[in-house]
Amino acid sequence: MTNSTKHPVTEVLEVHLQRYLDDLGEIPPSNIYPMVLTFIERPILELVMKHANQNQSLAAKYLGMNRNTLHKKLVEHGLLSN
């Protein structure tokens, strides 16, 4: 990928974030950063957990995070089945 070529994920985020801002019209945006993180974090966690066959240690390794951090995020997003 060259410097002039954007990653497909970046392109999707830009398009949808711009649409969100356009839809706001004159309403000033607020809390965009945590909103975007919340909306992208859950599907990342779901997909990686599925790829790791629900193995949290393996998923944490794939994500480059501590297993305890992953567990906390799974709880926050309601993704743990009892």
N, C-alpha and C. Protein backbone atom coordinates (compact mmCIF):
# COMPACT_ATOMS: atom_id res chain seq x y z
N MET A 1 0.85 -1.16 0.00
CA MET A 1 0.00 0.00 0.00
C MET A 1 0.90 1.23 0.00
N THR A 2 0.66 2.14 -0.89
CA THR A 2 1.46 3.35 -0.97
C THR A 2 0.91 4.40 -0.01
N ASN A 3 1.68 5.46 0.19
CA ASN A 3 1.25 6.53 1.09
C ASN A 3 -0.02 7.21 0.59
N SER A 4 -0.24 7.22 -0.73
CA SER A 4 -1.41 7.90 -1.27
C SER A 4 -2.67 7.03 -1.22
N THR A 5 -2.51 5.76 -0.90
CA THR A 5 -3.65 4.85 -0.84
C THR A 5 -4.07 4.67 0.61
N LYS A 6 -5.32 4.96 0.87
CA LYS A 6 -5.84 4.80 2.23
C LYS A 6 -6.26 3.36 2.46
N HIS A 7 -6.11 2.93 3.69
CA HIS A 7 -6.56 1.60 4.08
C HIS A 7 -8.09 1.59 3.95
N PRO A 8 -8.67 0.47 3.50
CA PRO A 8 -10.13 0.40 3.34
C PRO A 8 -10.90 0.72 4.62
N VAL A 9 -10.39 0.34 5.77
CA VAL A 9 -11.07 0.64 7.02
C VAL A 9 -11.09 2.15 7.26
N THR A 10 -10.00 2.82 6.96
CA THR A 10 -9.94 4.27 7.09
C THR A 10 -10.96 4.93 6.18
N GLU A 11 -11.05 4.44 4.95
CA GLU A 11 -12.01 5.01 4.00
C GLU A 11 -13.44 4.87 4.51
N VAL A 12 -13.79 3.70 5.01
CA VAL A 12 -15.15 3.46 5.52
C VAL A 12 -15.44 4.39 6.70
N LEU A 13 -14.49 4.49 7.63
CA LEU A 13 -14.69 5.36 8.79
C LEU A 13 -14.87 6.80 8.37
N GLU A 14 -14.06 7.26 7.42
CA GLU A 14 -14.16 8.65 6.96
C GLU A 14 -15.52 8.92 6.32
N VAL A 15 -15.96 8.03 5.48
CA VAL A 15 -17.24 8.21 4.79
C VAL A 15 -18.38 8.29 5.81
N HIS A 16 -18.41 7.36 6.74
CA HIS A 16 -19.53 7.31 7.68
C HIS A 16 -19.46 8.42 8.74
N LEU A 17 -18.25 8.77 9.16
CA LEU A 17 -18.13 9.87 10.11
C LEU A 17 -18.53 11.18 9.45
N GLN A 18 -18.15 11.38 8.19
CA GLN A 18 -18.56 12.58 7.48
C GLN A 18 -20.08 12.64 7.32
N ARG A 19 -20.69 11.49 7.02
CA ARG A 19 -22.15 11.43 6.90
C ARG A 19 -22.80 11.80 8.24
N TYR A 20 -22.25 11.28 9.33
CA TYR A 20 -22.77 11.59 10.67
C TYR A 20 -22.70 13.10 10.92
N LEU A 21 -21.54 13.69 10.63
CA LEU A 21 -21.37 15.13 10.85
C LEU A 21 -22.30 15.94 9.95
N ASP A 22 -22.45 15.51 8.71
CA ASP A 22 -23.37 16.19 7.80
C ASP A 22 -24.81 16.11 8.30
N ASP A 23 -25.19 14.95 8.82
CA ASP A 23 -26.56 14.76 9.32
C ASP A 23 -26.85 15.64 10.53
N LEU A 24 -25.82 16.00 11.29
CA LEU A 24 -26.02 16.86 12.45
C LEU A 24 -26.45 18.27 12.05
N GLY A 25 -26.06 18.67 10.84
CA GLY A 25 -26.39 20.01 10.39
C GLY A 25 -25.75 21.05 11.29
N GLU A 26 -26.58 21.90 11.89
CA GLU A 26 -26.09 22.99 12.74
C GLU A 26 -25.86 22.55 14.20
N ILE A 27 -26.25 21.33 14.52
CA ILE A 27 -26.06 20.84 15.89
C ILE A 27 -24.58 20.54 16.10
N PRO A 28 -23.97 21.14 17.12
CA PRO A 28 -22.54 20.86 17.34
C PRO A 28 -22.33 19.42 17.81
N PRO A 29 -21.35 18.73 17.25
CA PRO A 29 -21.08 17.35 17.68
C PRO A 29 -20.45 17.35 19.07
N SER A 30 -20.62 16.22 19.75
CA SER A 30 -19.96 16.06 21.05
C SER A 30 -19.62 14.59 21.27
N ASN A 31 -18.57 14.35 21.99
CA ASN A 31 -18.15 12.99 22.37
C ASN A 31 -17.97 12.06 21.18
N ILE A 32 -17.46 12.59 20.08
CA ILE A 32 -17.29 11.77 18.87
C ILE A 32 -16.28 10.65 19.11
N TYR A 33 -15.17 10.97 19.73
CA TYR A 33 -14.11 9.97 19.91
C TYR A 33 -14.60 8.75 20.68
N PRO A 34 -15.18 8.90 21.89
CA PRO A 34 -15.64 7.70 22.58
C PRO A 34 -16.77 6.98 21.84
N MET A 35 -17.61 7.73 21.13
CA MET A 35 -18.70 7.12 20.37
C MET A 35 -18.13 6.20 19.28
N VAL A 36 -17.16 6.72 18.53
CA VAL A 36 -16.57 5.92 17.45
C VAL A 36 -15.87 4.70 18.02
N LEU A 37 -15.11 4.88 19.09
CA LEU A 37 -14.42 3.73 19.70
C LEU A 37 -15.40 2.66 20.13
N THR A 38 -16.51 3.06 20.73
CA THR A 38 -17.51 2.10 21.18
C THR A 38 -18.09 1.33 20.00
N PHE A 39 -18.41 2.04 18.92
CA PHE A 39 -19.04 1.39 17.78
C PHE A 39 -18.09 0.49 16.99
N ILE A 40 -16.79 0.76 17.05
CA ILE A 40 -15.87 -0.12 16.32
C ILE A 40 -15.30 -1.22 17.21
N GLU A 41 -15.25 -0.96 18.52
CA GLU A 41 -14.64 -1.94 19.43
C GLU A 41 -15.46 -3.23 19.52
N ARG A 42 -16.76 -3.11 19.65
CA ARG A 42 -17.60 -4.30 19.82
C ARG A 42 -17.46 -5.28 18.65
N PRO A 43 -17.61 -4.84 17.39
CA PRO A 43 -17.47 -5.81 16.30
C PRO A 43 -16.05 -6.40 16.20
N ILE A 44 -15.05 -5.61 16.56
CA ILE A 44 -13.68 -6.15 16.57
C ILE A 44 -13.60 -7.29 17.57
N LEU A 45 -14.10 -7.03 18.78
CA LEU A 45 -14.06 -8.06 19.82
C LEU A 45 -14.84 -9.30 19.42
N GLU A 46 -16.03 -9.10 18.88
CA GLU A 46 -16.86 -10.24 18.46
C GLU A 46 -16.16 -11.09 17.40
N LEU A 47 -15.61 -10.44 16.39
CA LEU A 47 -14.97 -11.17 15.29
C LEU A 47 -13.71 -11.89 15.73
N VAL A 48 -12.90 -11.22 16.55
CA VAL A 48 -11.65 -11.85 17.00
C VAL A 48 -11.95 -13.00 17.97
N MET A 49 -12.94 -12.83 18.83
CA MET A 49 -13.30 -13.94 19.73
C MET A 49 -13.81 -15.13 18.92
N LYS A 50 -14.59 -14.88 17.90
CA LYS A 50 -15.06 -15.96 17.05
C LYS A 50 -13.88 -16.65 16.36
N HIS A 51 -12.95 -15.85 15.85
CA HIS A 51 -11.77 -16.41 15.16
C HIS A 51 -10.91 -17.24 16.12
N ALA A 52 -10.90 -16.84 17.40
CA ALA A 52 -10.11 -17.55 18.41
C ALA A 52 -10.93 -18.64 19.11
N ASN A 53 -12.09 -18.98 18.55
CA ASN A 53 -12.97 -20.00 19.14
C ASN A 53 -13.28 -19.72 20.60
N GLN A 54 -13.56 -18.45 20.90
CA GLN A 54 -13.93 -17.98 22.25
C GLN A 54 -12.81 -18.13 23.28
N ASN A 55 -11.59 -18.37 22.83
CA ASN A 55 -10.44 -18.49 23.73
C ASN A 55 -9.92 -17.08 24.01
N GLN A 56 -10.15 -16.59 25.23
CA GLN A 56 -9.78 -15.22 25.56
C GLN A 56 -8.28 -14.99 25.53
N SER A 57 -7.49 -15.95 25.95
CA SER A 57 -6.04 -15.79 25.93
C SER A 57 -5.53 -15.64 24.50
N LEU A 58 -6.05 -16.47 23.61
CA LEU A 58 -5.65 -16.40 22.22
C LEU A 58 -6.14 -15.10 21.57
N ALA A 59 -7.38 -14.73 21.85
CA ALA A 59 -7.93 -13.49 21.30
C ALA A 59 -7.13 -12.28 21.78
N ALA A 60 -6.75 -12.28 23.05
CA ALA A 60 -5.95 -11.18 23.58
C ALA A 60 -4.61 -11.09 22.86
N LYS A 61 -4.03 -12.25 22.57
CA LYS A 61 -2.77 -12.27 21.83
C LYS A 61 -2.98 -11.70 20.43
N TYR A 62 -4.05 -12.11 19.75
CA TYR A 62 -4.35 -11.59 18.41
C TYR A 62 -4.53 -10.07 18.44
N LEU A 63 -5.16 -9.58 19.50
CA LEU A 63 -5.46 -8.15 19.60
C LEU A 63 -4.27 -7.33 20.12
N GLY A 64 -3.28 -8.01 20.65
CA GLY A 64 -2.12 -7.30 21.20
C GLY A 64 -2.44 -6.61 22.52
N MET A 65 -3.28 -7.26 23.33
CA MET A 65 -3.64 -6.69 24.63
C MET A 65 -3.58 -7.76 25.70
N ASN A 66 -3.56 -7.32 26.93
CA ASN A 66 -3.55 -8.21 28.07
C ASN A 66 -4.89 -8.93 28.16
N ARG A 67 -4.88 -10.19 28.59
CA ARG A 67 -6.10 -10.97 28.70
C ARG A 67 -7.10 -10.33 29.66
N ASN A 68 -6.61 -9.75 30.76
CA ASN A 68 -7.50 -9.09 31.72
C ASN A 68 -8.18 -7.87 31.08
N THR A 69 -7.45 -7.15 30.25
CA THR A 69 -8.03 -6.00 29.54
C THR A 69 -9.12 -6.48 28.59
N LEU A 70 -8.84 -7.55 27.87
CA LEU A 70 -9.84 -8.11 26.96
C LEU A 70 -11.07 -8.54 27.75
N HIS A 71 -10.87 -9.23 28.85
CA HIS A 71 -12.01 -9.69 29.67
C HIS A 71 -12.87 -8.50 30.10
N LYS A 72 -12.22 -7.44 30.57
CA LYS A 72 -12.93 -6.23 30.99
C LYS A 72 -13.75 -5.66 29.84
N LYS A 73 -13.17 -5.60 28.64
CA LYS A 73 -13.88 -5.06 27.48
C LYS A 73 -15.04 -5.96 27.06
N LEU A 74 -14.86 -7.26 27.16
CA LEU A 74 -15.94 -8.19 26.84
C LEU A 74 -17.11 -8.00 27.79
N VAL A 75 -16.81 -7.80 29.07
CA VAL A 75 -17.86 -7.54 30.06
C VAL A 75 -18.56 -6.23 29.74
N GLU A 76 -17.78 -5.17 29.46
CA GLU A 76 -18.34 -3.85 29.16
C GLU A 76 -19.31 -3.91 27.99
N HIS A 77 -19.00 -4.73 27.00
CA HIS A 77 -19.83 -4.81 25.80
C HIS A 77 -20.88 -5.93 25.89
N GLY A 78 -20.96 -6.61 27.02
CA GLY A 78 -21.95 -7.67 27.20
C GLY A 78 -21.72 -8.86 26.28
N LEU A 79 -20.45 -9.19 26.06
CA LEU A 79 -20.13 -10.26 25.11
C LEU A 79 -19.73 -11.58 25.77
N LEU A 80 -19.86 -11.67 27.06
CA LEU A 80 -19.53 -12.93 27.73
C LEU A 80 -20.81 -13.71 27.99
N SER A 81 -20.80 -14.97 27.58
CA SER A 81 -21.95 -15.83 27.87
C SER A 81 -21.64 -16.65 29.11
N ASN A 82 -22.60 -16.77 29.99
CA ASN A 82 -22.39 -17.51 31.26
C ASN A 82 -22.84 -18.93 31.12
